Amino acid sequence: MALTYSRYLELETLLSLQHPQSEGPEHDETLFIIVHQVYELWFKELLHEFDYLAARLDADETAAASHTLKRILTILKVLVAQLDVLETMTPLDFLSFRDRLDTASGLQSVQFRELECVLGFRGADALARYPEGSTERERLATRLARPPLWTTFLRYLARGGHPVLPDDPAPATPTVSPANQHALVAIYRHEPTTLELCERLVDLDEGLQEWRYRHVKMVQRTIGTRAGTGSSRVGAGTGSSGVDYLMTTLFQPAFPDLWAIRTEL
């Protein structure tokens, strides 16, 4: 049987995966489901690209690493743009089916937790969100066993003769290092090719923070200060304020050394 467009993309399966829970169903629930499913597909692609980026850095392939970062940055722009679609849904539109979400919450997205691990955000409760023996917990444990992107980048710089101190083992959250900042200043002043790679990491950090901010504002305009669906931590009886929790994630750089050196250049 010849391979067709539909079979190659498995469209019959893909287009059958939207199952609204509301009666009717409510018109906007289909939009809500599709947008979040698309987010998960992009998260899958981002993890795929970050793994490729790490491999290119480990192989000291600067040009390929830079190109991969450019693709990642472009995908981040798409993630931000998708929020425009969600914001066409008014608070009343969302409330018409919100109670059907029950305990389902974006906090349960294991792929987003994996992305946080890649970027160095590795809280002690990361695994606790998922039951023992679950596929999600195993995936996250595998990701936690790998070095974060910043450690991979520092090792790339160290092999290039730069006096940096790779994080090993990696801390739970990104930290600053005066010694690494000194080496980065020298790179910015004398090595334009490596500087370009550094600047793309800054673009990545800025893009991630832009997405977080836009996400917070989207939630705020949709549910105000209502509690988020699900729970803020495993075992909690009720959800925390969705906006309050998301606000705590803002302005936390993944690569703080690259921001700290701005005043020294």
Protein backbone atom coordinates (compact mmCIF):
# COMPACT_ATOMS: atom_id res chain seq x y z
CA MET A 1 0.00 0.00 0.00
CA ALA A 2 1.39 3.40 -1.02
CA LEU A 3 2.25 5.80 1.76
CA THR A 4 -0.21 8.69 1.78
CA TYR A 5 -0.16 12.08 3.48
CA SER A 6 -2.84 10.91 5.91
CA ARG A 7 -1.08 7.66 6.80
CA TYR A 8 2.33 9.30 7.15
CA LEU A 9 0.97 11.83 9.65
CA GLU A 10 -1.46 9.32 11.21
CA LEU A 11 -4.22 11.88 10.81
CA GLU A 12 -7.05 9.49 11.61
CA THR A 13 -5.55 8.93 15.06
CA LEU A 14 -4.45 12.53 15.54
CA LEU A 15 -7.83 14.03 14.72
CA SER A 16 -9.64 11.58 16.99
CA LEU A 17 -7.77 12.64 20.14
CA GLN A 18 -9.96 15.59 21.13
CA HIS A 19 -12.58 14.57 23.70
CA PRO A 20 -14.42 17.49 25.32
CA GLN A 21 -15.80 16.63 28.77
CA SER A 22 -18.53 19.28 28.94
CA GLU A 23 -22.12 18.68 27.92
CA GLY A 24 -22.99 19.91 24.49
CA PRO A 25 -19.98 20.19 24.40
CA GLU A 26 -19.20 23.82 25.17
CA HIS A 27 -17.88 25.47 22.00
CA ASP A 28 -14.50 26.68 23.35
CA GLU A 29 -13.45 23.41 24.97
CA THR A 30 -12.32 22.04 21.62
CA LEU A 31 -10.04 25.07 21.16
CA PHE A 32 -8.67 24.64 24.69
CA ILE A 33 -7.84 20.98 24.09
CA ILE A 34 -6.24 21.50 20.68
CA VAL A 35 -4.04 24.40 21.78
CA HIS A 36 -2.71 22.43 24.74
CA GLN A 37 -2.17 19.32 22.64
CA VAL A 38 -0.18 21.42 20.19
CA TYR A 39 1.86 22.79 23.09
CA GLU A 40 2.75 19.24 24.09
CA LEU A 41 3.82 18.47 20.52
CA TRP A 42 6.08 21.53 20.51
CA PHE A 43 7.45 20.53 23.93
CA LYS A 44 8.33 17.16 22.41
CA GLU A 45 10.12 18.89 19.54
CA LEU A 46 11.97 21.24 21.93
CA LEU A 47 13.24 18.28 23.96
CA HIS A 48 14.32 16.65 20.70
CA GLU A 49 16.22 19.81 19.71
CA PHE A 50 17.78 20.32 23.14
CA ASP A 51 19.13 16.76 23.07
CA TYR A 52 20.57 17.44 19.62
CA LEU A 53 22.05 20.73 20.85
CA ALA A 54 23.75 18.98 23.75
CA ALA A 55 25.22 16.40 21.37
CA ARG A 56 26.54 19.12 19.07
CA LEU A 57 28.15 20.97 22.00
CA ASP A 58 29.68 17.72 23.26
CA ALA A 59 31.15 17.22 19.77
CA ASP A 60 32.43 20.84 19.69
CA GLU A 61 30.35 21.54 16.57
CA THR A 62 29.84 25.27 17.08
CA ALA A 63 28.05 26.03 13.82
CA ALA A 64 25.56 23.18 14.23
CA ALA A 65 24.93 24.17 17.86
CA SER A 66 24.26 27.76 16.83
CA HIS A 67 21.86 26.64 14.09
CA THR A 68 20.00 24.40 16.53
CA LEU A 69 19.66 27.25 19.01
CA LYS A 70 18.18 29.39 16.23
CA ARG A 71 15.52 26.74 15.62
CA ILE A 72 14.74 26.50 19.33
CA LEU A 73 14.31 30.27 19.50
CA THR A 74 11.94 30.19 16.54
CA ILE A 75 9.83 27.50 18.22
CA LEU A 76 9.66 29.63 21.38
CA LYS A 77 8.16 32.44 19.31
CA VAL A 78 5.47 30.05 18.14
CA LEU A 79 4.72 29.08 21.75
CA VAL A 80 4.22 32.74 22.64
CA ALA A 81 2.04 33.35 19.57
CA GLN A 82 -0.28 30.48 20.53
CA LEU A 83 -1.28 32.43 23.63
CA ASP A 84 -2.92 34.96 21.31
CA VAL A 85 -5.28 32.19 20.23
CA LEU A 86 -6.12 31.23 23.82
CA GLU A 87 -6.78 34.88 24.65
CA THR A 88 -9.66 34.94 22.17
CA MET A 89 -11.49 32.89 24.83
CA THR A 90 -13.26 35.13 27.36
CA PRO A 91 -13.46 34.31 31.09
CA LEU A 92 -17.10 33.25 30.63
CA ASP A 93 -16.12 31.00 27.71
CA PHE A 94 -13.55 29.21 29.91
CA LEU A 95 -15.82 29.02 32.96
CA SER A 96 -18.44 27.27 30.85
CA PHE A 97 -16.33 24.07 30.96
CA ARG A 98 -13.61 24.72 33.56
CA ASP A 99 -15.21 22.57 36.25
CA ARG A 100 -14.91 19.60 33.89
CA LEU A 101 -11.11 19.77 34.16
CA ASP A 102 -11.40 18.39 37.70
CA THR A 103 -7.80 17.88 38.97
CA ALA A 104 -6.19 18.22 35.53
CA SER A 105 -3.59 20.98 35.52
CA GLY A 106 -0.74 22.21 33.37
CA LEU A 107 1.47 21.63 36.42
CA GLN A 108 1.21 17.93 35.56
CA SER A 109 2.91 18.33 32.16
CA VAL A 110 5.94 16.07 32.46
CA GLN A 111 7.40 17.39 29.21
CA PHE A 112 7.44 20.95 30.56
CA ARG A 113 9.12 19.64 33.72
CA GLU A 114 11.69 17.97 31.49
CA LEU A 115 12.31 21.30 29.74
CA GLU A 116 12.83 22.94 33.13
CA CYS A 117 15.38 20.23 33.95
CA VAL A 118 17.22 20.91 30.70
CA LEU A 119 17.39 24.59 31.64
CA GLY A 120 18.66 23.90 35.16
CA PHE A 121 15.50 24.22 37.24
CA ARG A 122 15.59 21.01 39.28
CA GLY A 123 13.61 21.49 42.49
CA ALA A 124 13.71 18.79 45.13
CA ASP A 125 9.99 18.11 44.63
CA ALA A 126 10.24 17.57 40.87
CA LEU A 127 9.83 13.80 41.10
CA ALA A 128 7.28 14.01 43.91
CA ARG A 129 4.66 15.34 41.49
CA TYR A 130 4.41 11.89 39.89
CA PRO A 131 3.57 8.50 41.47
CA GLU A 132 6.26 5.90 42.09
CA GLY A 133 6.62 3.60 39.10
CA SER A 134 4.78 5.93 36.72
CA THR A 135 6.08 6.54 33.21
CA GLU A 136 6.20 10.27 33.94
CA ARG A 137 8.41 9.77 36.98
CA GLU A 138 10.76 7.48 35.09
CA ARG A 139 11.04 10.01 32.23
CA LEU A 140 11.82 12.84 34.60
CA ALA A 141 14.35 10.76 36.53
CA THR A 142 16.13 9.99 33.26
CA ARG A 143 16.22 13.69 32.42
CA LEU A 144 17.49 14.60 35.91
CA ALA A 145 20.39 12.18 35.43
CA ARG A 146 21.65 14.25 32.50
CA PRO A 147 23.53 17.54 32.89
CA PRO A 148 21.57 20.73 32.27
CA LEU A 149 22.32 22.80 29.18
CA TRP A 150 24.47 25.33 31.05
CA THR A 151 26.76 22.60 32.38
CA THR A 152 27.08 21.18 28.87
CA PHE A 153 27.94 24.64 27.56
CA LEU A 154 30.55 25.25 30.29
CA ARG A 155 32.20 21.93 29.46
CA TYR A 156 32.26 23.00 25.80
CA LEU A 157 34.00 26.23 26.84
CA ALA A 158 36.45 24.38 29.09
CA ARG A 159 37.51 22.11 26.23
CA GLY A 160 38.14 25.26 24.21
CA GLY A 161 40.67 26.42 26.78
CA HIS A 162 38.50 28.86 28.72
CA PRO A 163 39.02 28.95 32.50
CA VAL A 164 35.45 28.09 33.48
CA LEU A 165 34.25 25.86 36.28
CA PRO A 166 31.61 23.42 35.01
CA ASP A 167 28.81 22.70 37.48
CA ASP A 168 29.31 19.08 38.55
CA PRO A 169 27.05 18.01 40.09
CA ALA A 170 24.58 20.58 38.84
CA PRO A 171 22.78 22.64 41.50
CA ALA A 172 18.99 22.52 41.94
CA THR A 173 18.63 25.97 40.38
CA PRO A 174 20.94 28.05 38.16
CA THR A 175 23.65 29.80 40.17
CA VAL A 176 26.20 32.55 39.51
CA SER A 177 29.97 32.12 39.39
CA PRO A 178 32.38 35.11 39.47
CA ALA A 179 35.10 32.94 37.91
CA ASN A 180 32.86 31.98 35.00
CA GLN A 181 31.75 35.57 34.57
CA HIS A 182 35.38 36.65 34.23
CA ALA A 183 35.93 34.06 31.50
CA LEU A 184 32.74 35.10 29.72
CA VAL A 185 33.80 38.76 29.68
CA ALA A 186 37.02 37.72 27.95
CA ILE A 187 35.02 35.73 25.40
CA TYR A 188 32.79 38.71 24.65
CA ARG A 189 35.81 40.94 24.12
CA HIS A 190 37.95 38.61 22.04
CA GLU A 191 35.98 35.71 20.50
CA PRO A 192 33.10 36.81 18.26
CA THR A 193 32.12 33.27 17.24
CA THR A 194 31.70 32.04 20.81
CA LEU A 195 30.11 35.37 21.70
CA GLU A 196 27.38 34.62 19.13
CA LEU A 197 26.64 31.32 20.88
CA CYS A 198 26.45 33.11 24.24
CA GLU A 199 24.05 35.68 22.83
CA ARG A 200 21.76 32.98 21.49
CA LEU A 201 21.63 31.51 24.99
CA VAL A 202 20.62 34.95 26.25
CA ASP A 203 17.93 35.04 23.54
CA LEU A 204 16.75 31.63 24.75
CA ASP A 205 16.57 32.82 28.34
CA GLU A 206 14.70 35.97 27.32
CA GLY A 207 12.30 33.97 25.14
CA LEU A 208 11.51 31.60 27.99
CA GLN A 209 10.85 34.51 30.34
CA GLU A 210 8.64 36.16 27.74
CA TRP A 211 6.60 32.97 27.44
CA ARG A 212 6.24 32.71 31.22
CA TYR A 213 5.11 36.35 31.47
CA ARG A 214 2.59 36.05 28.65
CA HIS A 215 1.29 32.83 30.21
CA VAL A 216 0.78 34.57 33.57
CA LYS A 217 -1.13 37.44 31.94
CA MET A 218 -3.28 35.04 29.92
CA VAL A 219 -4.23 33.13 33.08
CA GLN A 220 -4.85 36.38 34.95
CA ARG A 221 -7.21 37.74 32.30
CA THR A 222 -9.03 34.39 32.10
CA ILE A 223 -9.51 33.36 35.76
CA GLY A 224 -8.37 36.41 37.76
CA THR A 225 -7.23 35.33 41.22
CA ARG A 226 -9.21 32.09 41.32
CA ALA A 227 -7.39 28.96 42.47
CA GLY A 228 -5.77 27.01 39.67
CA THR A 229 -7.08 23.62 38.62
CA GLY A 230 -5.34 20.67 40.25
CA SER A 231 -2.98 21.22 43.15
CA SER A 232 0.18 23.26 43.54
CA ARG A 233 1.93 20.28 45.09
CA VAL A 234 1.27 16.58 45.30
CA GLY A 235 -0.98 15.71 48.22
CA ALA A 236 -2.42 19.21 48.59
CA GLY A 237 -6.14 19.27 49.08
CA THR A 238 -6.83 22.34 46.94
CA GLY A 239 -5.19 24.23 44.15
CA SER A 240 -3.21 27.38 44.83
CA SER A 241 -4.01 30.63 43.11
CA GLY A 242 -3.02 29.98 39.51
CA VAL A 243 -1.62 33.48 39.04
CA ASP A 244 0.16 33.52 42.43
CA TYR A 245 2.01 30.31 41.61
CA LEU A 246 2.93 31.37 38.09
CA MET A 247 4.23 34.73 39.35
CA THR A 248 6.87 32.88 41.38
CA THR A 249 8.33 31.49 38.14
CA LEU A 250 8.93 34.91 36.57
CA PHE A 251 12.33 36.55 36.16
CA GLN A 252 14.35 33.49 37.11
CA PRO A 253 17.16 33.36 34.52
CA ALA A 254 18.45 30.01 33.35
CA PHE A 255 21.87 31.51 32.60
CA PRO A 256 22.42 34.19 35.29
CA ASP A 257 26.14 34.61 34.54
CA LEU A 258 25.33 35.80 31.01
CA TRP A 259 23.09 38.51 32.47
CA ALA A 260 25.47 39.47 35.27
CA ILE A 261 28.32 40.38 32.91
CA ARG A 262 26.29 43.08 31.10
CA THR A 263 27.58 45.80 33.43
CA GLU A 264 31.20 44.74 32.86
CA LEU A 265 31.29 44.84 29.08
